[in-house]
C-alpha atoms as a PDB file:
ATOM      1  CA  MET A   1       4.658  46.978 -19.690  1.00  0.00           C
ATOM      2  CA  GLY A   2       4.568  47.429 -15.845  1.00  0.00           C
ATOM      3  CA  TYR A   3       0.746  45.604 -16.024  1.00  0.00           C
ATOM      4  CA  ILE A   4       2.369  42.689 -17.714  1.00  0.00           C
ATOM      5  CA  LYS A   5       4.567  42.537 -14.687  1.00  0.00           C
ATOM      6  CA  LYS A   6       2.219  42.654 -11.955  1.00  0.00           C
ATOM      7  CA  ILE A   7       0.472  39.933 -14.257  1.00  0.00           C
ATOM      8  CA  VAL A   8       3.673  37.538 -14.734  1.00  0.00           C
ATOM      9  CA  VAL A   9       4.356  37.461 -10.749  1.00  0.00           C
ATOM     10  CA  LEU A  10       0.175  36.656  -9.817  1.00  0.00           C
ATOM     11  CA  ILE A  11       0.207  33.395 -11.426  1.00  0.00           C
ATOM     12  CA  LEU A  12       3.504  32.879 -10.253  1.00  0.00           C
ATOM     13  CA  MET A  13       2.631  33.095  -7.079  1.00  0.00           C
ATOM     14  CA  THR A  14      -0.831  31.179  -7.479  1.00  0.00           C
ATOM     15  CA  GLY A  15       1.368  28.261  -8.921  1.00  0.00           C
ATOM     16  CA  SER A  16       4.104  27.996  -5.955  1.00  0.00           C
ATOM     17  CA  LEU A  17       1.585  28.351  -3.626  1.00  0.00           C
ATOM     18  CA  SER A  18      -0.773  25.539  -5.117  1.00  0.00           C
ATOM     19  CA  PHE A  19       2.514  23.489  -4.740  1.00  0.00           C
ATOM     20  CA  CYS A  20       2.608  23.760  -1.349  1.00  0.00           C
ATOM     21  CA  ALA A  21      -0.531  22.695  -0.988  1.00  0.00           C
ATOM     22  CA  SER A  22      -0.709  19.786  -2.109  1.00  0.00           C
ATOM     23  CA  LYS A  23       3.122  18.248  -1.057  1.00  0.00           C
ATOM     24  CA  GLN A  24       3.351  15.256   1.305  1.00  0.00           C
ATOM     25  CA  ASN A  25       5.828  14.398   4.279  1.00  0.00           C
ATOM     26  CA  SER A  26       8.421  11.884   1.922  1.00  0.00           C
ATOM     27  CA  GLN A  27      10.932  11.268   3.917  1.00  0.00           C
ATOM     28  CA  MET A  28      14.189  10.315   1.802  1.00  0.00           C
ATOM     29  CA  ASP A  29      15.418   8.122   5.122  1.00  0.00           C
ATOM     30  CA  PHE A  30      13.694   6.107   7.809  1.00  0.00           C
ATOM     31  CA  PRO A  31      14.502   7.031  11.183  1.00  0.00           C
ATOM     32  CA  GLN A  32      15.574   3.541  11.983  1.00  0.00           C
ATOM     33  CA  LYS A  33      17.932   0.841   9.713  1.00  0.00           C
ATOM     34  CA  ILE A  34      15.142  -1.473   7.863  1.00  0.00           C
ATOM     35  CA  ALA A  35      16.988  -4.801   7.681  1.00  0.00           C
ATOM     36  CA  ALA A  36      14.970  -6.736   5.016  1.00  0.00           C
ATOM     37  CA  ALA A  37      11.376  -5.949   3.429  1.00  0.00           C
ATOM     38  CA  TYR A  38       9.866  -9.121   1.776  1.00  0.00           C
ATOM     39  CA  PHE A  39       6.526 -10.562   0.904  1.00  0.00           C
ATOM     40  CA  GLN A  40       5.160 -13.846   0.820  1.00  0.00           C
ATOM     41  CA  LYS A  41       2.223 -15.038  -1.011  1.00  0.00           C
ATOM     42  CA  ILE A  42      -0.428 -16.696   0.629  1.00  0.00           C
ATOM     43  CA  ASN A  43      -2.812 -19.062   0.410  1.00  0.00           C
ATOM     44  CA  THR A  44      -5.291 -20.160   2.758  1.00  0.00           C
ATOM     45  CA  GLY A  45      -7.166 -22.959   0.456  1.00  0.00           C
ATOM     46  CA  GLY A  46     -10.263 -21.827   0.027  1.00  0.00           C
ATOM     47  CA  GLY A  47     -12.805 -20.401   2.445  1.00  0.00           C
ATOM     48  CA  GLN A  48     -13.759 -16.250   2.381  1.00  0.00           C
ATOM     49  CA  VAL A  49     -10.270 -14.988   2.016  1.00  0.00           C
ATOM     50  CA  GLY A  50      -9.009 -17.523  -0.472  1.00  0.00           C
ATOM     51  CA  THR A  51      -5.334 -16.013  -1.653  1.00  0.00           C
ATOM     52  CA  GLY A  52      -3.017 -12.271  -0.922  1.00  0.00           C
ATOM     53  CA  ASN A  53      -0.115 -11.604   0.265  1.00  0.00           C
ATOM     54  CA  ASP A  54       1.418 -11.076   3.724  1.00  0.00           C
ATOM     55  CA  PHE A  55       4.090  -7.864   3.313  1.00  0.00           C
ATOM     56  CA  TYR A  56       7.016  -8.313   6.287  1.00  0.00           C
ATOM     57  CA  ILE A  57       9.430  -5.373   7.372  1.00  0.00           C
ATOM     58  CA  GLU A  58      12.191  -6.266   9.657  1.00  0.00           C
ATOM     59  CA  PHE A  59      14.284  -3.901  11.960  1.00  0.00           C
ATOM     60  CA  GLU A  60      18.115  -4.460  12.578  1.00  0.00           C
ATOM     61  CA  LYS A  61      16.967  -2.802  16.833  1.00  0.00           C
ATOM     62  CA  PRO A  62      13.330  -2.425  18.710  1.00  0.00           C
ATOM     63  CA  LEU A  63      11.660   0.605  16.935  1.00  0.00           C
ATOM     64  CA  LYS A  64      12.618   3.237  18.711  1.00  0.00           C
ATOM     65  CA  LYS A  65       9.994   4.656  20.929  1.00  0.00           C
ATOM     66  CA  GLY A  66       7.718   7.911  19.486  1.00  0.00           C
ATOM     67  CA  ILE A  67       7.243   5.949  16.096  1.00  0.00           C
ATOM     68  CA  THR A  68       4.848   4.571  15.101  1.00  0.00           C
ATOM     69  CA  LEU A  69       3.708   2.035  12.244  1.00  0.00           C
ATOM     70  CA  ASN A  70       0.706   2.463  10.173  1.00  0.00           C
ATOM     71  CA  LYS A  71      -0.184   1.463   6.794  1.00  0.00           C
ATOM     72  CA  VAL A  72       1.984  -0.070   4.140  1.00  0.00           C
ATOM     73  CA  TYR A  73       1.263   1.278   0.225  1.00  0.00           C
ATOM     74  CA  PHE A  74       1.477  -2.159  -2.363  1.00  0.00           C
ATOM     75  CA  ARG A  75       0.506  -2.909  -5.466  1.00  0.00           C
ATOM     76  CA  ASN A  76      -2.466  -0.559  -5.483  1.00  0.00           C
ATOM     77  CA  GLN A  77      -3.446  -2.290  -2.305  1.00  0.00           C
ATOM     78  CA  VAL A  78      -3.147  -0.724   1.431  1.00  0.00           C
ATOM     79  CA  ALA A  79      -3.484  -2.576   5.078  1.00  0.00           C
ATOM     80  CA  VAL A  80      -2.648  -1.623   8.705  1.00  0.00           C
ATOM     81  CA  LEU A  81       0.223  -2.931  10.020  1.00  0.00           C
ATOM     82  CA  GLU A  82       0.528  -5.064  12.867  1.00  0.00           C
ATOM     83  CA  GLU A  83       3.544  -5.887  15.849  1.00  0.00           C
ATOM     84  CA  GLU A  84       4.777  -9.715  15.267  1.00  0.00           C
ATOM     85  CA  ASN A  85       7.307  -8.685  17.717  1.00  0.00           C
ATOM     86  CA  ASP A  86       9.130  -5.863  18.757  1.00  0.00           C
ATOM     87  CA  ARG A  87      11.289  -6.377  15.255  1.00  0.00           C
ATOM     88  CA  VAL A  88       8.838  -6.844  13.010  1.00  0.00           C
ATOM     89  CA  PHE A  89       5.777  -5.714  11.657  1.00  0.00           C
ATOM     90  CA  VAL A  90       3.035  -8.019   9.147  1.00  0.00           C
ATOM     91  CA  ALA A  91       0.723  -6.124   6.604  1.00  0.00           C
ATOM     92  CA  ARG A  92      -1.898  -8.503   4.930  1.00  0.00           C
ATOM     93  CA  PHE A  93      -3.453  -8.457   1.786  1.00  0.00           C
ATOM     94  CA  TYR A  94      -5.669 -11.075   0.949  1.00  0.00           C
ATOM     95  CA  ASP A  95      -7.454 -11.318  -2.197  1.00  0.00           C
ATOM     96  CA  VAL A  96     -11.393 -11.465  -1.612  1.00  0.00           C
ATOM     97  CA  PRO A  97     -13.451 -12.873  -3.927  1.00  0.00           C
ATOM     98  CA  THR A  98     -16.467 -11.149  -5.447  1.00  0.00           C
ATOM     99  CA  LYS A  99     -19.423 -12.953  -6.042  1.00  0.00           C
ATOM    100  CA  GLN A 100     -21.683 -10.315  -8.625  1.00  0.00           C
ATOM    101  CA  ASP A 101     -23.310 -12.014 -11.160  1.00  0.00           C
ATOM    102  CA  LEU A 102     -22.751 -10.481 -14.643  1.00  0.00           C
ATOM    103  CA  ILE A 103     -25.288 -11.418 -17.516  1.00  0.00           C
ATOM    104  CA  LEU A 104     -23.740 -11.304 -21.240  1.00  0.00           C
ATOM    105  CA  ASP A 105     -25.611 -11.552 -24.114  1.00  0.00           C
ATOM    106  CA  SER A 106     -25.745 -10.566 -27.071  1.00  0.00           C
ATOM    107  CA  ASP A 107     -28.522  -7.873 -27.119  1.00  0.00           C
ATOM    108  CA  SER A 108     -26.943  -5.049 -25.096  1.00  0.00           C
ATOM    109  CA  LEU A 109     -30.673  -4.226 -23.579  1.00  0.00           C
ATOM    110  CA  LYS A 110     -30.004  -7.391 -21.390  1.00  0.00           C
ATOM    111  CA  GLU A 111     -26.808  -6.425 -19.763  1.00  0.00           C
ATOM    112  CA  TYR A 112     -28.642  -3.737 -18.547  1.00  0.00           C
ATOM    113  CA  GLY A 113     -28.592  -4.815 -14.473  1.00  0.00           C
ATOM    114  CA  ASN A 114     -24.919  -5.336 -14.436  1.00  0.00           C
ATOM    115  CA  LYS A 115     -22.407  -3.028 -12.913  1.00  0.00           C
ATOM    116  CA  ALA A 116     -19.477  -0.674 -13.919  1.00  0.00           C
ATOM    117  CA  PRO A 117     -16.082  -1.837 -11.993  1.00  0.00           C
ATOM    118  CA  VAL A 118     -14.822   0.580  -9.456  1.00  0.00           C
ATOM    119  CA  ILE A 119     -11.260   1.828 -10.183  1.00  0.00           C
ATOM    120  CA  ALA A 120      -9.962   3.497  -7.800  1.00  0.00           C
ATOM    121  CA  LYS A 121      -7.398   5.688  -8.649  1.00  0.00           C
ATOM    122  CA  PRO A 122      -3.892   4.028  -6.410  1.00  0.00           C
ATOM    123  CA  LYS A 123      -2.448   6.916  -3.827  1.00  0.00           C
ATOM    124  CA  PHE A 124       1.212   5.984  -5.433  1.00  0.00           C
ATOM    125  CA  ASP A 125       2.617   5.720  -8.103  1.00  0.00           C
ATOM    126  CA  LEU A 126       4.819   2.531  -6.996  1.00  0.00           C
ATOM    127  CA  GLN A 127       6.500  -0.159  -9.162  1.00  0.00           C
ATOM    128  CA  PRO A 128       5.640  -3.724  -8.699  1.00  0.00           C
ATOM    129  CA  THR A 129       9.208  -4.368  -5.660  1.00  0.00           C
ATOM    130  CA  GLU A 130       8.794  -1.029  -3.877  1.00  0.00           C
ATOM    131  CA  ALA A 131       5.818  -0.373  -0.980  1.00  0.00           C
ATOM    132  CA  VAL A 132       5.533   3.007   1.039  1.00  0.00           C
ATOM    133  CA  LEU A 133       5.513   3.062   4.011  1.00  0.00           C
ATOM    134  CA  GLU A 134       3.297   5.254   6.813  1.00  0.00           C
ATOM    135  CA  TYR A 135       4.608   6.281   9.647  1.00  0.00           C
ATOM    136  CA  ARG A 136       3.714   8.926  12.924  1.00  0.00           C
ATOM    137  CA  LYS A 137       6.810  10.482  14.576  1.00  0.00           C
ATOM    138  CA  LYS A 138       6.306  13.220  17.348  1.00  0.00           C
ATOM    139  CA  ASN A 139       2.304  13.450  15.937  1.00  0.00           C
ATOM    140  CA  GLU A 140       2.739  14.260  12.557  1.00  0.00           C
ATOM    141  CA  THR A 141       2.569  11.110   9.524  1.00  0.00           C
ATOM    142  CA  PHE A 142       5.454  10.780   7.428  1.00  0.00           C
ATOM    143  CA  PHE A 143       6.011   8.696   4.208  1.00  0.00           C
ATOM    144  CA  TYR A 144       9.293   6.714   3.359  1.00  0.00           C
ATOM    145  CA  THR A 145       9.265   4.651  -0.166  1.00  0.00           C
ATOM    146  CA  ILE A 146      11.110   1.161   0.128  1.00  0.00           C
ATOM    147  CA  GLU A 147      12.589  -0.543  -2.953  1.00  0.00           C
ATOM    148  CA  ALA A 148      14.230  -3.242  -3.350  1.00  0.00           C
ATOM    149  CA  ILE A 149      10.814  -5.806  -1.342  1.00  0.00           C
ATOM    150  CA  LYS A 150      11.782  -9.810  -2.269  1.00  0.00           C
ATOM    151  CA  GLU A 151       9.272 -12.585  -2.973  1.00  0.00           C
ATOM    152  CA  ARG A 152       9.376 -15.425   0.200  1.00  0.00           C
ATOM    153  CA  PRO A 153       8.268 -19.025  -1.121  1.00  0.00           C
ATOM    154  CA  MET A 154       4.875 -19.447  -1.065  1.00  0.00           C
ATOM    155  CA  ILE A 155       2.450 -20.277   1.897  1.00  0.00           C
ATOM    156  CA  ALA A 156       0.797 -23.129   1.910  1.00  0.00           C
ATOM    157  CA  ASN A 157      -3.034 -24.034   3.165  1.00  0.00           C
ATOM    158  CA  ARG A 158      -1.501 -24.449   7.108  1.00  0.00           C
ATOM    159  CA  SER A 159      -4.511 -27.102   7.260  1.00  0.00           C
ATOM    160  CA  GLU A 160      -3.465 -28.965   4.956  1.00  0.00           C
ATOM    161  CA  ILE A 161       0.075 -30.055   6.594  1.00  0.00           C
ATOM    162  CA  LYS A 162      -0.233 -33.484   8.451  1.00  0.00           C
ATOM    163  CA  PRO A 163       2.388 -33.960  10.934  1.00  0.00           C
ATOM    164  CA  LYS A 164       4.383 -37.395  10.537  1.00  0.00           C
ATOM    165  CA  ASN A 165       3.716 -40.799  11.821  1.00  0.00           C
END
């Protein structure tokens, strides 16, 4: 009977230690009040970039010293945050068109040169209206989930906008 107890205790200790290694620093509250988080679809009108989303985070007050915003994870994509001013940060997610030719034929041997699509597993399992903010505070990385992200009207191609005469 004592042998079985030792095995059960050993299994429980091994299981509990393995969960500690995979834990991420996720915060329930961000250290500062977020006034708004939204995204806008962008259409650059052809060219190399094409379409995408600009993701905005607006704070009520300027960002506190010691807090650095790194990345945003949104809709299975990741982008670096850029500072527009002391209260507004933007991450740009652009859909880059692929220039891969596929050979489609009824004879599968002729499709030999086609490459399989690369499907990367996202780091976080998020809803379409959720994003994860990665930030650093006192040299430690934290993650904060932003919920209820709204979509604002689309920004058209800026080069097509002509001044009125």
